[in-house]
Every structure is written in C-alpha cells, then in structure tokens.
Amino acid sequence: MSEVHDKPELSRYEIRDGDEVAGFSEYRLASGTIAFTHTEVDPAFNGRGLAKALVAEALEDARRRGLAVLPFCPYVRKVIAAEPTRYLDLVPLRDRDRFKLPAARTPWAPTWRADVS
C-alpha cells in the first residue's frame, strides 16, 4: 500500500511503497502559496497510478492548509486541467492564464458566442 507524506525539510511530498520512496513532488513555499516545481516517480513503479495519487494528495493538503497553488510542474498542471471542478480553484484566477488553465471551473467551455440583436 502506498502512502503520501509531506517532507518539509526536503521541500517535497513523497509517495512510499512500503519502505521505499517511489516518487516525489518538489515545491517551494512562500507567503500562503505553494509552487510545485517537479514531480517524479521511479520507473520501477510506473503504471500503478502513483504519480496521480501523489499529486492528488499534495493538492488536497494544499487545500487543507489554505495555500494557493502555482503549478510550474507540467504533471501537476495536467492533473489540475484534467479535473478542473476538483482542483482549479486552488490556482489563483490571476495566474491561470500563464499556466494555460481555464478561468472557470467548468469542464467545458463553449467555442461559439451567440449575438442577440
């Protein structure tokens, strides 16, 4: 069974499989913000969903702690974009465009606009 733990002394969350570190997500903390910079899972653990479990728990922990999220890590950005109704609100509205994230939490947005005269 895998478990996720914050390791503040290393500025990262780790996911462990038994006694082994299977992967980690590095971050930087600054005044109410957590910036995720890199996520990595050992190739020996690929295909088990550990990267997603790691990032999901890190994002939930950021929510519990009231931290805004800056997803510099492409994988963290991918998880947020894949589940906007669950995670998008963690990214400040003013920062969403620079991370190519939608402004709204809806999973879709219309591509057309009706002009009513």
N, C-alpha and C. Protein backbone atom coordinates (compact mmCIF):
# COMPACT_ATOMS: atom_id res chain seq x y z
N MET A 1 0.84 -1.19 0.00
CA MET A 1 0.00 0.00 0.00
C MET A 1 0.89 1.25 0.00
N SER A 2 0.49 2.24 -0.77
CA SER A 2 1.28 3.47 -0.86
C SER A 2 0.71 4.55 0.06
N GLU A 3 1.63 5.39 0.54
CA GLU A 3 1.26 6.49 1.43
C GLU A 3 2.00 7.74 1.01
N VAL A 4 1.32 8.90 1.10
CA VAL A 4 1.91 10.18 0.76
C VAL A 4 2.19 10.95 2.05
N HIS A 5 3.39 11.52 2.12
CA HIS A 5 3.78 12.31 3.29
C HIS A 5 4.47 13.58 2.84
N ASP A 6 4.19 14.68 3.54
CA ASP A 6 4.91 15.92 3.30
C ASP A 6 6.23 15.83 4.04
N LYS A 7 7.31 16.17 3.37
CA LYS A 7 8.65 16.21 3.96
C LYS A 7 9.15 17.65 3.86
N PRO A 8 8.68 18.53 4.76
CA PRO A 8 9.04 19.95 4.65
C PRO A 8 10.54 20.21 4.71
N GLU A 9 11.29 19.37 5.40
CA GLU A 9 12.74 19.57 5.47
C GLU A 9 13.41 19.35 4.11
N LEU A 10 12.71 18.65 3.21
CA LEU A 10 13.21 18.42 1.84
C LEU A 10 12.42 19.22 0.81
N SER A 11 11.41 19.96 1.26
CA SER A 11 10.51 20.73 0.39
C SER A 11 9.90 19.84 -0.68
N ARG A 12 9.33 18.72 -0.22
CA ARG A 12 8.68 17.83 -1.18
C ARG A 12 7.70 16.90 -0.48
N TYR A 13 6.74 16.43 -1.28
CA TYR A 13 5.85 15.36 -0.85
C TYR A 13 6.45 14.07 -1.41
N GLU A 14 6.37 13.01 -0.64
CA GLU A 14 6.87 11.72 -1.10
C GLU A 14 5.74 10.70 -1.06
N ILE A 15 5.77 9.80 -2.03
CA ILE A 15 4.88 8.65 -2.00
C ILE A 15 5.76 7.44 -1.79
N ARG A 16 5.38 6.65 -0.80
CA ARG A 16 6.17 5.48 -0.44
C ARG A 16 5.38 4.22 -0.73
N ASP A 17 6.10 3.21 -1.14
CA ASP A 17 5.54 1.88 -1.33
C ASP A 17 6.27 1.01 -0.32
N GLY A 18 5.62 0.74 0.79
CA GLY A 18 6.31 0.05 1.87
C GLY A 18 7.38 0.97 2.44
N ASP A 19 8.61 0.50 2.46
CA ASP A 19 9.72 1.30 2.98
C ASP A 19 10.45 2.09 1.90
N GLU A 20 10.04 1.94 0.66
CA GLU A 20 10.73 2.59 -0.46
C GLU A 20 10.04 3.87 -0.89
N VAL A 21 10.85 4.90 -1.19
CA VAL A 21 10.31 6.11 -1.80
C VAL A 21 10.10 5.79 -3.28
N ALA A 22 8.84 5.84 -3.70
CA ALA A 22 8.50 5.53 -5.09
C ALA A 22 8.51 6.78 -5.96
N GLY A 23 8.28 7.94 -5.34
CA GLY A 23 8.26 9.18 -6.11
C GLY A 23 8.15 10.39 -5.20
N PHE A 24 8.25 11.56 -5.81
CA PHE A 24 8.18 12.79 -5.03
C PHE A 24 7.68 13.94 -5.91
N SER A 25 7.18 14.96 -5.24
CA SER A 25 6.77 16.20 -5.89
C SER A 25 7.41 17.35 -5.10
N GLU A 26 8.32 18.06 -5.75
CA GLU A 26 9.04 19.14 -5.08
C GLU A 26 8.24 20.43 -5.12
N TYR A 27 8.43 21.26 -4.10
CA TYR A 27 7.70 22.52 -4.02
C TYR A 27 8.52 23.59 -3.35
N ARG A 28 8.04 24.82 -3.48
CA ARG A 28 8.58 25.97 -2.75
C ARG A 28 7.40 26.67 -2.09
N LEU A 29 7.57 26.98 -0.82
CA LEU A 29 6.54 27.69 -0.06
C LEU A 29 6.91 29.16 0.08
N ALA A 30 5.90 30.02 -0.07
CA ALA A 30 6.12 31.45 0.14
C ALA A 30 4.78 32.11 0.43
N SER A 31 4.67 32.74 1.55
CA SER A 31 3.50 33.53 1.97
C SER A 31 2.16 33.09 1.40
N GLY A 32 1.68 31.96 1.88
CA GLY A 32 0.36 31.48 1.51
C GLY A 32 0.28 30.81 0.15
N THR A 33 1.42 30.53 -0.46
CA THR A 33 1.46 29.93 -1.79
C THR A 33 2.40 28.73 -1.79
N ILE A 34 2.01 27.69 -2.52
CA ILE A 34 2.89 26.55 -2.75
C ILE A 34 3.09 26.43 -4.25
N ALA A 35 4.34 26.48 -4.68
CA ALA A 35 4.68 26.36 -6.09
C ALA A 35 5.26 24.97 -6.32
N PHE A 36 4.55 24.15 -7.08
CA PHE A 36 5.04 22.81 -7.41
C PHE A 36 5.98 22.93 -8.60
N THR A 37 7.20 22.42 -8.45
CA THR A 37 8.23 22.62 -9.47
C THR A 37 8.61 21.36 -10.23
N HIS A 38 8.47 20.20 -9.63
CA HIS A 38 8.90 18.97 -10.31
C HIS A 38 8.26 17.76 -9.62
N THR A 39 7.80 16.82 -10.44
CA THR A 39 7.24 15.56 -9.92
C THR A 39 7.92 14.42 -10.66
N GLU A 40 8.27 13.40 -9.90
CA GLU A 40 8.99 12.26 -10.49
C GLU A 40 8.60 10.97 -9.77
N VAL A 41 8.43 9.90 -10.54
CA VAL A 41 8.19 8.57 -9.97
C VAL A 41 9.25 7.64 -10.55
N ASP A 42 9.84 6.84 -9.69
CA ASP A 42 10.85 5.86 -10.12
C ASP A 42 10.22 4.96 -11.18
N PRO A 43 10.91 4.75 -12.31
CA PRO A 43 10.36 3.90 -13.37
C PRO A 43 9.95 2.50 -12.91
N ALA A 44 10.55 2.01 -11.84
CA ALA A 44 10.18 0.68 -11.32
C ALA A 44 8.74 0.66 -10.82
N PHE A 45 8.15 1.84 -10.56
CA PHE A 45 6.79 1.93 -10.04
C PHE A 45 5.79 2.45 -11.08
N ASN A 46 6.24 2.62 -12.32
CA ASN A 46 5.36 3.13 -13.38
C ASN A 46 4.15 2.23 -13.58
N GLY A 47 3.05 2.85 -14.04
CA GLY A 47 1.86 2.10 -14.39
C GLY A 47 0.95 1.75 -13.23
N ARG A 48 1.25 2.27 -12.06
CA ARG A 48 0.43 1.95 -10.88
C ARG A 48 -0.40 3.13 -10.39
N GLY A 49 -0.34 4.26 -11.10
CA GLY A 49 -1.11 5.43 -10.71
C GLY A 49 -0.53 6.18 -9.53
N LEU A 50 0.73 5.94 -9.22
CA LEU A 50 1.32 6.58 -8.04
C LEU A 50 1.55 8.07 -8.24
N ALA A 51 1.91 8.50 -9.45
CA ALA A 51 2.12 9.94 -9.69
C ALA A 51 0.82 10.70 -9.45
N LYS A 52 -0.27 10.18 -9.98
CA LYS A 52 -1.56 10.86 -9.80
C LYS A 52 -1.98 10.87 -8.32
N ALA A 53 -1.79 9.75 -7.64
CA ALA A 53 -2.12 9.68 -6.20
C ALA A 53 -1.29 10.67 -5.41
N LEU A 54 -0.01 10.77 -5.74
CA LEU A 54 0.90 11.70 -5.08
C LEU A 54 0.43 13.13 -5.26
N VAL A 55 0.18 13.53 -6.50
CA VAL A 55 -0.22 14.91 -6.78
C VAL A 55 -1.60 15.21 -6.20
N ALA A 56 -2.52 14.27 -6.30
CA ALA A 56 -3.86 14.49 -5.74
C ALA A 56 -3.78 14.75 -4.24
N GLU A 57 -2.99 13.98 -3.53
CA GLU A 57 -2.87 14.18 -2.08
C GLU A 57 -2.15 15.49 -1.77
N ALA A 58 -1.14 15.85 -2.55
CA ALA A 58 -0.44 17.12 -2.34
C ALA A 58 -1.40 18.29 -2.55
N LEU A 59 -2.23 18.21 -3.59
CA LEU A 59 -3.20 19.28 -3.84
C LEU A 59 -4.25 19.35 -2.73
N GLU A 60 -4.71 18.20 -2.26
CA GLU A 60 -5.67 18.20 -1.15
C GLU A 60 -5.05 18.77 0.12
N ASP A 61 -3.78 18.49 0.35
CA ASP A 61 -3.09 19.04 1.51
C ASP A 61 -2.97 20.56 1.38
N ALA A 62 -2.67 21.04 0.18
CA ALA A 62 -2.61 22.49 -0.05
C ALA A 62 -3.97 23.12 0.27
N ARG A 63 -5.05 22.46 -0.14
CA ARG A 63 -6.40 22.95 0.16
C ARG A 63 -6.63 23.01 1.68
N ARG A 64 -6.29 21.92 2.38
CA ARG A 64 -6.49 21.90 3.84
C ARG A 64 -5.71 23.00 4.53
N ARG A 65 -4.55 23.33 3.99
CA ARG A 65 -3.68 24.34 4.59
C ARG A 65 -4.00 25.76 4.10
N GLY A 66 -4.97 25.88 3.20
CA GLY A 66 -5.35 27.19 2.69
C GLY A 66 -4.31 27.83 1.79
N LEU A 67 -3.54 27.01 1.07
CA LEU A 67 -2.48 27.52 0.21
C LEU A 67 -2.96 27.66 -1.23
N ALA A 68 -2.57 28.74 -1.87
CA ALA A 68 -2.79 28.89 -3.31
C ALA A 68 -1.72 28.05 -4.01
N VAL A 69 -2.07 27.48 -5.16
CA VAL A 69 -1.18 26.58 -5.89
C VAL A 69 -0.69 27.24 -7.18
N LEU A 70 0.62 27.18 -7.38
CA LEU A 70 1.23 27.59 -8.64
C LEU A 70 1.83 26.34 -9.28
N PRO A 71 1.20 25.82 -10.34
CA PRO A 71 1.64 24.54 -10.92
C PRO A 71 2.71 24.70 -12.01
N PHE A 72 3.92 25.02 -11.62
CA PHE A 72 5.03 25.10 -12.58
C PHE A 72 5.36 23.72 -13.14
N CYS A 73 5.15 22.68 -12.36
CA CYS A 73 5.38 21.31 -12.80
C CYS A 73 4.32 20.93 -13.84
N PRO A 74 4.74 20.47 -15.03
CA PRO A 74 3.76 20.10 -16.06
C PRO A 74 2.80 19.00 -15.62
N TYR A 75 3.27 18.06 -14.82
CA TYR A 75 2.37 16.98 -14.41
C TYR A 75 1.31 17.49 -13.43
N VAL A 76 1.67 18.35 -12.52
CA VAL A 76 0.69 18.93 -11.59
C VAL A 76 -0.34 19.72 -12.40
N ARG A 77 0.13 20.48 -13.39
CA ARG A 77 -0.78 21.23 -14.27
C ARG A 77 -1.73 20.28 -14.98
N LYS A 78 -1.22 19.16 -15.45
CA LYS A 78 -2.04 18.17 -16.16
C LYS A 78 -3.15 17.62 -15.25
N VAL A 79 -2.83 17.33 -14.01
CA VAL A 79 -3.83 16.81 -13.06
C VAL A 79 -4.90 17.87 -12.80
N ILE A 80 -4.49 19.11 -12.63
CA ILE A 80 -5.45 20.19 -12.38
C ILE A 80 -6.36 20.36 -13.60
N ALA A 81 -5.77 20.37 -14.79
CA ALA A 81 -6.56 20.55 -16.02
C ALA A 81 -7.51 19.38 -16.27
N ALA A 82 -7.12 18.19 -15.87
CA ALA A 82 -7.96 17.01 -16.08
C ALA A 82 -9.16 16.99 -15.14
N GLU A 83 -9.05 17.65 -13.98
CA GLU A 83 -10.15 17.68 -13.01
C GLU A 83 -10.38 19.10 -12.52
N PRO A 84 -10.81 19.99 -13.42
CA PRO A 84 -10.95 21.40 -13.02
C PRO A 84 -11.98 21.64 -11.93
N THR A 85 -13.05 20.85 -11.90
CA THR A 85 -14.05 21.08 -10.86
C THR A 85 -13.52 20.70 -9.49
N ARG A 86 -12.49 19.92 -9.44
CA ARG A 86 -11.92 19.49 -8.17
C ARG A 86 -10.73 20.35 -7.72
N TYR A 87 -9.90 20.82 -8.69
CA TYR A 87 -8.65 21.47 -8.30
C TYR A 87 -8.44 22.89 -8.81
N LEU A 88 -9.16 23.33 -9.83
CA LEU A 88 -8.85 24.62 -10.44
C LEU A 88 -8.93 25.78 -9.47
N ASP A 89 -9.83 25.70 -8.52
CA ASP A 89 -9.99 26.80 -7.56
C ASP A 89 -8.74 27.03 -6.70
N LEU A 90 -7.83 26.06 -6.67
CA LEU A 90 -6.60 26.22 -5.91
C LEU A 90 -5.63 27.19 -6.58
N VAL A 91 -5.74 27.33 -7.90
CA VAL A 91 -4.87 28.23 -8.66
C VAL A 91 -5.52 29.60 -8.72
N PRO A 92 -4.84 30.64 -8.24
CA PRO A 92 -5.44 31.98 -8.28
C PRO A 92 -5.85 32.36 -9.70
N LEU A 93 -7.00 32.99 -9.82
CA LEU A 93 -7.54 33.39 -11.11
C LEU A 93 -6.50 34.18 -11.92
N ARG A 94 -5.79 35.08 -11.26
CA ARG A 94 -4.82 35.93 -11.96
C ARG A 94 -3.65 35.14 -12.56
N ASP A 95 -3.43 33.91 -12.08
CA ASP A 95 -2.31 33.10 -12.55
C ASP A 95 -2.70 32.01 -13.54
N ARG A 96 -3.98 31.79 -13.74
CA ARG A 96 -4.42 30.66 -14.57
C ARG A 96 -3.97 30.79 -16.02
N ASP A 97 -4.02 31.99 -16.56
CA ASP A 97 -3.65 32.16 -17.97
C ASP A 97 -2.18 31.79 -18.20
N ARG A 98 -1.30 32.18 -17.31
CA ARG A 98 0.13 31.88 -17.53
C ARG A 98 0.42 30.39 -17.46
N PHE A 99 -0.46 29.62 -16.81
CA PHE A 99 -0.31 28.16 -16.76
C PHE A 99 -1.21 27.47 -17.79
N LYS A 100 -1.84 28.28 -18.65
CA LYS A 100 -2.73 27.77 -19.70
C LYS A 100 -3.87 26.93 -19.12
N LEU A 101 -4.42 27.44 -18.03
CA LEU A 101 -5.57 26.81 -17.38
C LEU A 101 -6.79 27.69 -17.61
N PRO A 102 -7.98 27.09 -17.68
CA PRO A 102 -9.19 27.89 -17.91
C PRO A 102 -9.49 28.80 -16.72
N ALA A 103 -10.17 29.88 -17.02
CA ALA A 103 -10.54 30.81 -15.95
C ALA A 103 -11.65 30.24 -15.08
N ALA A 104 -12.56 29.45 -15.69
CA ALA A 104 -13.69 28.91 -14.96
C ALA A 104 -13.45 27.45 -14.59
N ARG A 105 -14.23 26.97 -13.62
CA ARG A 105 -14.08 25.59 -13.15
C ARG A 105 -14.88 24.59 -13.97
N THR A 106 -15.57 25.02 -14.99
CA THR A 106 -16.38 24.09 -15.77
C THR A 106 -15.48 23.18 -16.59
N PRO A 107 -15.88 21.92 -16.78
CA PRO A 107 -15.06 21.00 -17.55
C PRO A 107 -15.10 21.29 -19.05
N TRP A 108 -15.96 22.20 -19.47
CA TRP A 108 -16.04 22.56 -20.88
C TRP A 108 -16.39 24.03 -20.98
N ALA A 109 -16.09 24.60 -22.10
CA ALA A 109 -16.48 25.98 -22.37
C ALA A 109 -16.91 26.07 -23.82
N PRO A 110 -18.00 26.77 -24.11
CA PRO A 110 -18.45 26.86 -25.50
C PRO A 110 -17.42 27.58 -26.35
N THR A 111 -17.32 27.15 -27.60
CA THR A 111 -16.38 27.77 -28.51
C THR A 111 -17.07 28.80 -29.40
N TRP A 112 -18.37 28.95 -29.26
CA TRP A 112 -19.11 29.90 -30.06
C TRP A 112 -19.78 30.91 -29.15
N ARG A 113 -20.17 32.00 -29.74
CA ARG A 113 -20.88 33.03 -28.99
C ARG A 113 -22.05 33.50 -29.82
N ALA A 114 -23.20 33.48 -29.25
CA ALA A 114 -24.39 33.94 -29.95
C ALA A 114 -24.57 35.43 -29.73
N ASP A 115 -24.73 36.15 -30.83
CA ASP A 115 -25.02 37.57 -30.73
C ASP A 115 -26.53 37.75 -30.87
N VAL A 116 -27.10 38.33 -29.87
CA VAL A 116 -28.54 38.55 -29.90
C VAL A 116 -28.78 40.02 -30.15
N SER A 117 -29.50 40.31 -31.21
CA SER A 117 -29.78 41.72 -31.54
C SER A 117 -31.19 42.07 -31.21
